[in-house]
Amino acid sequence: MIHSKVKQIANDIKVMKIRGAGKIARATAEALKIQAENSHAKNSKNLFTEIKAVSKLLLGTRPTAVSLPNAVRYITSDLSPDSDSDK
């Protein structure tokens, strides 16, 4: 389930309440952080699925904002649904 603060950040980006490349990138990072910190995922696969859903939500808010997909890619690049921490 996507956290309500994450949904609010996504909406703020979409309606251009959050503007500018740096602010969009920081808001994107904050949204992903909020989701990860408040996740109830039982394992890395479920957390990965949640983060992917949040990434998709954020990426759909402003398709032309270059900093947004860059931030998502930077933060999620090392994530994997198969983490050794579950074993």
N, C-alpha and C. Protein backbone atom coordinates (compact mmCIF):
# COMPACT_ATOMS: atom_id res chain seq x y z
N MET A 1 0.84 -1.18 0.00
CA MET A 1 0.00 0.00 0.00
C MET A 1 0.89 1.25 0.00
N ILE A 2 0.55 2.18 -0.84
CA ILE A 2 1.35 3.41 -0.95
C ILE A 2 0.97 4.36 0.18
N HIS A 3 1.98 4.86 0.87
CA HIS A 3 1.80 5.75 2.01
C HIS A 3 1.12 7.05 1.57
N SER A 4 0.28 7.61 2.44
CA SER A 4 -0.47 8.83 2.10
C SER A 4 0.45 10.02 1.83
N LYS A 5 1.56 10.13 2.54
CA LYS A 5 2.51 11.23 2.30
C LYS A 5 3.14 11.11 0.91
N VAL A 6 3.36 9.88 0.49
CA VAL A 6 3.92 9.63 -0.85
C VAL A 6 2.92 10.08 -1.90
N LYS A 7 1.66 9.75 -1.69
CA LYS A 7 0.61 10.17 -2.64
C LYS A 7 0.52 11.69 -2.69
N GLN A 8 0.68 12.35 -1.54
CA GLN A 8 0.62 13.81 -1.50
C GLN A 8 1.80 14.42 -2.25
N ILE A 9 2.98 13.87 -2.06
CA ILE A 9 4.15 14.36 -2.79
C ILE A 9 3.95 14.18 -4.29
N ALA A 10 3.45 13.02 -4.70
CA ALA A 10 3.20 12.76 -6.12
C ALA A 10 2.22 13.78 -6.68
N ASN A 11 1.17 14.06 -5.93
CA ASN A 11 0.19 15.04 -6.38
C ASN A 11 0.80 16.44 -6.46
N ASP A 12 1.61 16.79 -5.48
CA ASP A 12 2.26 18.10 -5.49
C ASP A 12 3.19 18.26 -6.69
N ILE A 13 3.86 17.20 -7.07
CA ILE A 13 4.70 17.24 -8.28
C ILE A 13 3.81 17.40 -9.51
N LYS A 14 2.73 16.63 -9.54
CA LYS A 14 1.84 16.64 -10.71
C LYS A 14 1.20 18.01 -10.94
N VAL A 15 0.71 18.64 -9.87
CA VAL A 15 0.03 19.93 -10.03
C VAL A 15 1.00 21.10 -9.99
N MET A 16 2.29 20.78 -10.02
CA MET A 16 3.37 21.75 -10.08
C MET A 16 3.48 22.63 -8.83
N LYS A 17 3.04 22.10 -7.70
CA LYS A 17 3.29 22.77 -6.43
C LYS A 17 4.78 22.64 -6.10
N ILE A 18 5.35 21.52 -6.52
CA ILE A 18 6.80 21.31 -6.42
C ILE A 18 7.36 21.53 -7.81
N ARG A 19 8.22 22.53 -7.96
CA ARG A 19 8.77 22.89 -9.27
C ARG A 19 10.28 23.01 -9.19
N GLY A 20 10.90 22.81 -10.33
CA GLY A 20 12.35 22.93 -10.42
C GLY A 20 13.01 21.57 -10.28
N ALA A 21 14.03 21.37 -11.08
CA ALA A 21 14.69 20.06 -11.15
C ALA A 21 15.18 19.57 -9.80
N GLY A 22 15.86 20.41 -9.06
CA GLY A 22 16.40 20.00 -7.77
C GLY A 22 15.32 19.65 -6.77
N LYS A 23 14.28 20.48 -6.72
CA LYS A 23 13.18 20.23 -5.78
C LYS A 23 12.41 18.96 -6.15
N ILE A 24 12.22 18.73 -7.43
CA ILE A 24 11.53 17.52 -7.88
C ILE A 24 12.36 16.28 -7.52
N ALA A 25 13.65 16.35 -7.75
CA ALA A 25 14.52 15.21 -7.43
C ALA A 25 14.52 14.94 -5.92
N ARG A 26 14.61 15.99 -5.11
CA ARG A 26 14.61 15.81 -3.66
C ARG A 26 13.27 15.26 -3.18
N ALA A 27 12.17 15.75 -3.74
CA ALA A 27 10.85 15.26 -3.36
C ALA A 27 10.67 13.80 -3.75
N THR A 28 11.20 13.43 -4.90
CA THR A 28 11.16 12.04 -5.35
C THR A 28 11.93 11.15 -4.38
N ALA A 29 13.11 11.58 -4.01
CA ALA A 29 13.92 10.82 -3.05
C ALA A 29 13.21 10.71 -1.71
N GLU A 30 12.61 11.79 -1.26
CA GLU A 30 11.89 11.79 0.01
C GLU A 30 10.70 10.82 -0.04
N ALA A 31 9.97 10.82 -1.14
CA ALA A 31 8.82 9.92 -1.27
C ALA A 31 9.26 8.46 -1.20
N LEU A 32 10.33 8.12 -1.88
CA LEU A 32 10.83 6.75 -1.84
C LEU A 32 11.32 6.39 -0.44
N LYS A 33 11.95 7.33 0.23
CA LYS A 33 12.41 7.11 1.60
C LYS A 33 11.23 6.87 2.54
N ILE A 34 10.20 7.70 2.43
CA ILE A 34 9.01 7.55 3.28
C ILE A 34 8.39 6.18 3.08
N GLN A 35 8.27 5.77 1.83
CA GLN A 35 7.67 4.46 1.56
C GLN A 35 8.51 3.34 2.17
N ALA A 36 9.80 3.41 1.99
CA ALA A 36 10.68 2.35 2.52
C ALA A 36 10.64 2.31 4.04
N GLU A 37 10.67 3.48 4.67
CA GLU A 37 10.68 3.53 6.13
C GLU A 37 9.36 3.11 6.76
N ASN A 38 8.27 3.28 6.04
CA ASN A 38 6.95 2.97 6.58
C ASN A 38 6.36 1.69 6.02
N SER A 39 7.14 0.96 5.28
CA SER A 39 6.67 -0.27 4.66
C SER A 39 6.37 -1.35 5.70
N HIS A 40 5.36 -2.14 5.40
CA HIS A 40 5.03 -3.30 6.22
C HIS A 40 5.41 -4.58 5.49
N ALA A 41 6.27 -4.44 4.50
CA ALA A 41 6.70 -5.60 3.70
C ALA A 41 7.38 -6.62 4.61
N LYS A 42 7.07 -7.87 4.36
CA LYS A 42 7.62 -8.97 5.17
C LYS A 42 8.96 -9.46 4.65
N ASN A 43 9.28 -9.10 3.40
CA ASN A 43 10.54 -9.56 2.81
C ASN A 43 10.98 -8.59 1.73
N SER A 44 12.17 -8.81 1.22
CA SER A 44 12.73 -7.88 0.23
C SER A 44 11.93 -7.88 -1.07
N LYS A 45 11.36 -9.00 -1.44
CA LYS A 45 10.56 -9.07 -2.67
C LYS A 45 9.34 -8.15 -2.56
N ASN A 46 8.67 -8.18 -1.41
CA ASN A 46 7.51 -7.32 -1.22
C ASN A 46 7.90 -5.84 -1.16
N LEU A 47 9.03 -5.55 -0.52
CA LEU A 47 9.51 -4.17 -0.47
C LEU A 47 9.86 -3.70 -1.87
N PHE A 48 10.52 -4.54 -2.64
CA PHE A 48 10.87 -4.22 -4.02
C PHE A 48 9.60 -3.88 -4.82
N THR A 49 8.55 -4.68 -4.63
CA THR A 49 7.29 -4.45 -5.33
C THR A 49 6.69 -3.11 -4.93
N GLU A 50 6.74 -2.78 -3.65
CA GLU A 50 6.22 -1.49 -3.18
C GLU A 50 7.00 -0.33 -3.79
N ILE A 51 8.31 -0.42 -3.76
CA ILE A 51 9.15 0.66 -4.28
C ILE A 51 8.93 0.82 -5.78
N LYS A 52 8.76 -0.28 -6.49
CA LYS A 52 8.47 -0.20 -7.93
C LYS A 52 7.13 0.50 -8.17
N ALA A 53 6.13 0.21 -7.34
CA ALA A 53 4.81 0.86 -7.48
C ALA A 53 4.92 2.36 -7.23
N VAL A 54 5.67 2.73 -6.22
CA VAL A 54 5.87 4.16 -5.92
C VAL A 54 6.64 4.82 -7.06
N SER A 55 7.64 4.14 -7.56
CA SER A 55 8.41 4.68 -8.69
C SER A 55 7.51 4.94 -9.88
N LYS A 56 6.64 3.99 -10.18
CA LYS A 56 5.72 4.13 -11.31
C LYS A 56 4.77 5.31 -11.08
N LEU A 57 4.25 5.43 -9.87
CA LEU A 57 3.38 6.56 -9.53
C LEU A 57 4.10 7.88 -9.75
N LEU A 58 5.30 7.99 -9.22
CA LEU A 58 6.07 9.23 -9.34
C LEU A 58 6.42 9.53 -10.80
N LEU A 59 6.85 8.52 -11.53
CA LEU A 59 7.23 8.73 -12.93
C LEU A 59 6.06 9.21 -13.78
N GLY A 60 4.85 8.86 -13.39
CA GLY A 60 3.67 9.28 -14.14
C GLY A 60 3.22 10.70 -13.85
N THR A 61 3.83 11.34 -12.86
CA THR A 61 3.36 12.67 -12.48
C THR A 61 3.81 13.77 -13.44
N ARG A 62 5.05 13.73 -13.87
CA ARG A 62 5.60 14.75 -14.75
C ARG A 62 6.54 14.09 -15.75
N PRO A 63 6.00 13.54 -16.83
CA PRO A 63 6.82 12.79 -17.79
C PRO A 63 7.98 13.59 -18.40
N THR A 64 7.88 14.90 -18.42
CA THR A 64 8.94 15.70 -19.05
C THR A 64 9.99 16.20 -18.06
N ALA A 65 9.80 15.93 -16.78
CA ALA A 65 10.77 16.38 -15.77
C ALA A 65 11.93 15.40 -15.72
N VAL A 66 13.04 15.77 -16.32
CA VAL A 66 14.19 14.88 -16.46
C VAL A 66 14.76 14.45 -15.11
N SER A 67 14.72 15.33 -14.13
CA SER A 67 15.30 15.00 -12.83
C SER A 67 14.54 13.90 -12.10
N LEU A 68 13.26 13.76 -12.40
CA LEU A 68 12.45 12.76 -11.72
C LEU A 68 12.88 11.33 -12.06
N PRO A 69 12.92 10.95 -13.33
CA PRO A 69 13.39 9.59 -13.62
C PRO A 69 14.86 9.38 -13.26
N ASN A 70 15.65 10.45 -13.32
CA ASN A 70 17.05 10.32 -12.91
C ASN A 70 17.13 9.98 -11.42
N ALA A 71 16.32 10.65 -10.61
CA ALA A 71 16.31 10.38 -9.16
C ALA A 71 15.83 8.96 -8.88
N VAL A 72 14.77 8.55 -9.55
CA VAL A 72 14.24 7.19 -9.35
C VAL A 72 15.30 6.17 -9.73
N ARG A 73 15.92 6.36 -10.87
CA ARG A 73 16.96 5.42 -11.34
C ARG A 73 18.14 5.37 -10.37
N TYR A 74 18.57 6.53 -9.92
CA TYR A 74 19.72 6.59 -9.01
C TYR A 74 19.43 5.84 -7.71
N ILE A 75 18.25 6.05 -7.17
CA ILE A 75 17.90 5.46 -5.88
C ILE A 75 17.60 3.97 -5.99
N THR A 76 16.98 3.56 -7.08
CA THR A 76 16.53 2.17 -7.19
C THR A 76 17.50 1.28 -7.97
N SER A 77 18.58 1.83 -8.47
CA SER A 77 19.45 1.06 -9.37
C SER A 77 20.04 -0.20 -8.74
N ASP A 78 20.28 -0.20 -7.45
CA ASP A 78 20.87 -1.37 -6.81
C ASP A 78 19.85 -2.27 -6.12
N LEU A 79 18.57 -1.94 -6.25
CA LEU A 79 17.54 -2.77 -5.62
C LEU A 79 17.31 -4.05 -6.41
N SER A 80 17.01 -5.08 -5.68
CA SER A 80 16.75 -6.38 -6.29
C SER A 80 15.67 -7.09 -5.48
N PRO A 81 14.76 -7.78 -6.16
CA PRO A 81 13.73 -8.52 -5.41
C PRO A 81 14.30 -9.71 -4.64
N ASP A 82 15.51 -10.09 -4.95
CA ASP A 82 16.14 -11.25 -4.30
C ASP A 82 17.34 -10.80 -3.48
N SER A 83 17.07 -10.42 -2.25
CA SER A 83 18.14 -9.95 -1.37
C SER A 83 18.59 -11.07 -0.44
N ASP A 84 19.86 -11.09 -0.14
CA ASP A 84 20.41 -12.09 0.79
C ASP A 84 19.89 -11.89 2.21
N SER A 85 19.36 -10.71 2.53
CA SER A 85 18.92 -10.44 3.89
C SER A 85 17.72 -11.28 4.31
N ASP A 86 17.00 -11.86 3.34
CA ASP A 86 15.83 -12.69 3.65
C ASP A 86 16.22 -14.12 4.00
N LYS A 87 17.41 -14.51 3.66
CA LYS A 87 17.80 -15.91 3.77
C LYS A 87 18.28 -16.27 5.16
